[in-house]
Amino acid sequence: QVQLVESGGDLVQPGGSLRLSCAASGRSFSRNVMGWYRQAPGKQREMVAIMDSDGTAKYADSVKGRFTISRENFKNTVYLQMNSLKPEDTAVYYCNGRIVINVEGAARDYWGKGTLVTVSA
């Protein structure tokens, strides 16, 4: 019954800001990598930002300097602060949590159902 639920998607103007939230339940992700991915119409799902359990973050080149990922592990939540939004940021944003199964690196990914972000004038 592991579940990840995103919230915060909205219609915003170019240059605006938005904060996405993801709440996980059914299992703790405090020791695991969590992050955000997005999928625009006609495109493949891509990584936006991820953060491991000790706070090390990685960002897609397209969002560096504009987006910030953060976590509150005791709440089992992850956030994405998005600033200086551009029309090309328009996509469905998905929350992800990865559980590593063994030392060889096999993993299982858990996904939320997504929240829509539309950037348009």
Protein backbone atom coordinates (compact mmCIF):
# COMPACT_ATOMS: atom_id res chain seq x y z
CA GLN A 1 0.00 0.00 0.00
CA VAL A 2 2.90 2.34 -0.69
CA GLN A 3 1.54 5.59 -2.04
CA LEU A 4 3.03 8.86 -3.23
CA VAL A 5 0.67 11.79 -3.70
CA GLU A 6 1.68 15.02 -5.44
CA SER A 7 0.04 18.40 -5.04
CA GLY A 8 0.63 22.00 -6.05
CA GLY A 9 0.32 21.93 -9.82
CA ASP A 10 -1.36 24.97 -11.33
CA LEU A 11 -1.55 27.42 -14.22
CA VAL A 12 1.10 30.12 -13.84
CA GLN A 13 2.49 32.94 -15.96
CA PRO A 14 6.03 32.88 -17.37
CA GLY A 15 8.43 34.13 -14.72
CA GLY A 16 6.17 32.97 -11.92
CA SER A 17 6.82 30.51 -9.12
CA LEU A 18 5.22 27.34 -7.87
CA ARG A 19 5.93 24.83 -5.11
CA LEU A 20 5.12 21.16 -5.53
CA SER A 21 4.73 18.76 -2.63
CA CYS A 22 4.83 14.99 -2.42
CA ALA A 23 3.66 12.99 0.57
CA ALA A 24 4.63 9.34 0.84
CA SER A 25 2.82 6.78 2.95
CA GLY A 26 2.93 3.06 3.57
CA ARG A 27 6.70 2.97 3.76
CA SER A 28 9.48 5.26 4.93
CA PHE A 29 11.74 6.79 2.28
CA SER A 30 13.94 8.57 4.79
CA ARG A 31 16.96 6.45 3.81
CA ASN A 32 16.23 6.42 0.09
CA VAL A 33 16.52 8.61 -2.98
CA MET A 34 13.45 10.66 -3.83
CA GLY A 35 12.87 13.09 -6.63
CA TRP A 36 10.82 14.68 -9.34
CA TYR A 37 10.36 13.74 -12.96
CA ARG A 38 8.24 15.35 -15.65
CA GLN A 39 6.65 14.43 -18.94
CA ALA A 40 5.56 16.93 -21.56
CA PRO A 41 3.19 16.05 -24.41
CA GLY A 42 4.96 13.94 -27.03
CA LYS A 43 8.12 13.60 -24.96
CA GLN A 44 9.73 10.98 -22.76
CA ARG A 45 9.63 11.26 -19.00
CA GLU A 46 12.77 13.03 -17.77
CA MET A 47 14.50 13.57 -14.46
CA VAL A 48 14.10 17.05 -13.04
CA ALA A 49 15.69 16.80 -9.61
CA ILE A 50 16.62 14.05 -7.16
CA MET A 51 17.97 14.02 -3.63
CA ASP A 52 19.49 11.21 -1.62
CA SER A 53 19.02 10.64 2.08
CA ASP A 54 21.95 12.82 3.15
CA GLY A 55 20.80 15.85 1.16
CA THR A 56 22.92 15.54 -1.98
CA ALA A 57 20.90 16.87 -4.92
CA LYS A 58 21.17 16.52 -8.68
CA TYR A 59 19.34 18.65 -11.24
CA ALA A 60 18.63 18.54 -14.92
CA ASP A 61 20.65 21.18 -16.77
CA SER A 62 17.47 22.86 -17.94
CA VAL A 63 16.36 23.71 -14.40
CA LYS A 64 19.64 24.45 -12.61
CA GLY A 65 19.51 27.76 -10.81
CA ARG A 66 15.72 27.92 -11.03
CA PHE A 67 14.43 24.83 -9.20
CA THR A 68 15.27 23.63 -5.70
CA ILE A 69 14.48 20.22 -4.24
CA SER A 70 14.14 19.74 -0.50
CA ARG A 71 13.08 17.03 1.92
CA GLU A 72 11.59 16.67 5.35
CA ASN A 73 12.42 13.09 6.15
CA PHE A 74 10.55 12.95 9.44
CA LYS A 75 7.41 13.79 7.46
CA ASN A 76 8.30 11.46 4.57
CA THR A 77 7.85 14.34 2.14
CA VAL A 78 9.72 15.97 -0.72
CA TYR A 79 9.24 19.39 -2.30
CA LEU A 80 10.14 21.16 -5.52
CA GLN A 81 10.37 24.94 -5.48
CA MET A 82 10.14 26.22 -9.05
CA ASN A 83 11.10 29.81 -9.86
CA SER A 84 11.42 31.76 -13.10
CA LEU A 85 9.09 29.34 -14.82
CA LYS A 86 9.18 29.07 -18.60
CA PRO A 87 6.59 27.74 -21.07
CA GLU A 88 8.88 24.78 -21.75
CA ASP A 89 8.45 23.73 -18.10
CA THR A 90 4.86 22.80 -18.90
CA ALA A 91 4.43 19.11 -18.08
CA VAL A 92 2.94 16.60 -15.72
CA TYR A 93 5.28 16.35 -12.74
CA TYR A 94 5.68 13.01 -11.00
CA CYS A 95 7.07 12.22 -7.58
CA ASN A 96 9.45 9.27 -7.36
CA GLY A 97 10.85 7.16 -4.56
CA ARG A 98 13.47 4.48 -5.19
CA ILE A 99 14.00 1.41 -3.02
CA VAL A 100 17.32 -0.39 -3.60
CA ILE A 101 16.80 -4.14 -3.40
CA ASN A 102 20.35 -5.51 -3.36
CA VAL A 103 24.02 -4.55 -3.46
CA GLU A 104 24.13 -4.94 -7.25
CA GLY A 105 21.87 -1.92 -7.53
CA ALA A 106 18.56 -3.49 -8.46
CA ALA A 107 15.78 -1.17 -7.44
CA ARG A 108 12.06 -0.67 -7.40
CA ASP A 109 10.57 2.70 -8.24
CA TYR A 110 7.37 4.03 -6.73
CA TRP A 111 5.49 6.77 -8.56
CA GLY A 112 2.77 9.24 -7.84
CA LYS A 113 -0.01 9.87 -10.33
CA GLY A 114 1.31 13.29 -11.27
CA THR A 115 0.32 16.93 -10.99
CA LEU A 116 -0.05 19.24 -13.98
CA VAL A 117 2.01 22.41 -14.28
CA THR A 118 1.06 24.78 -17.10
CA VAL A 119 3.16 27.86 -17.79
CA SER A 120 1.39 30.24 -20.14
CA ALA A 121 0.52 33.90 -20.53
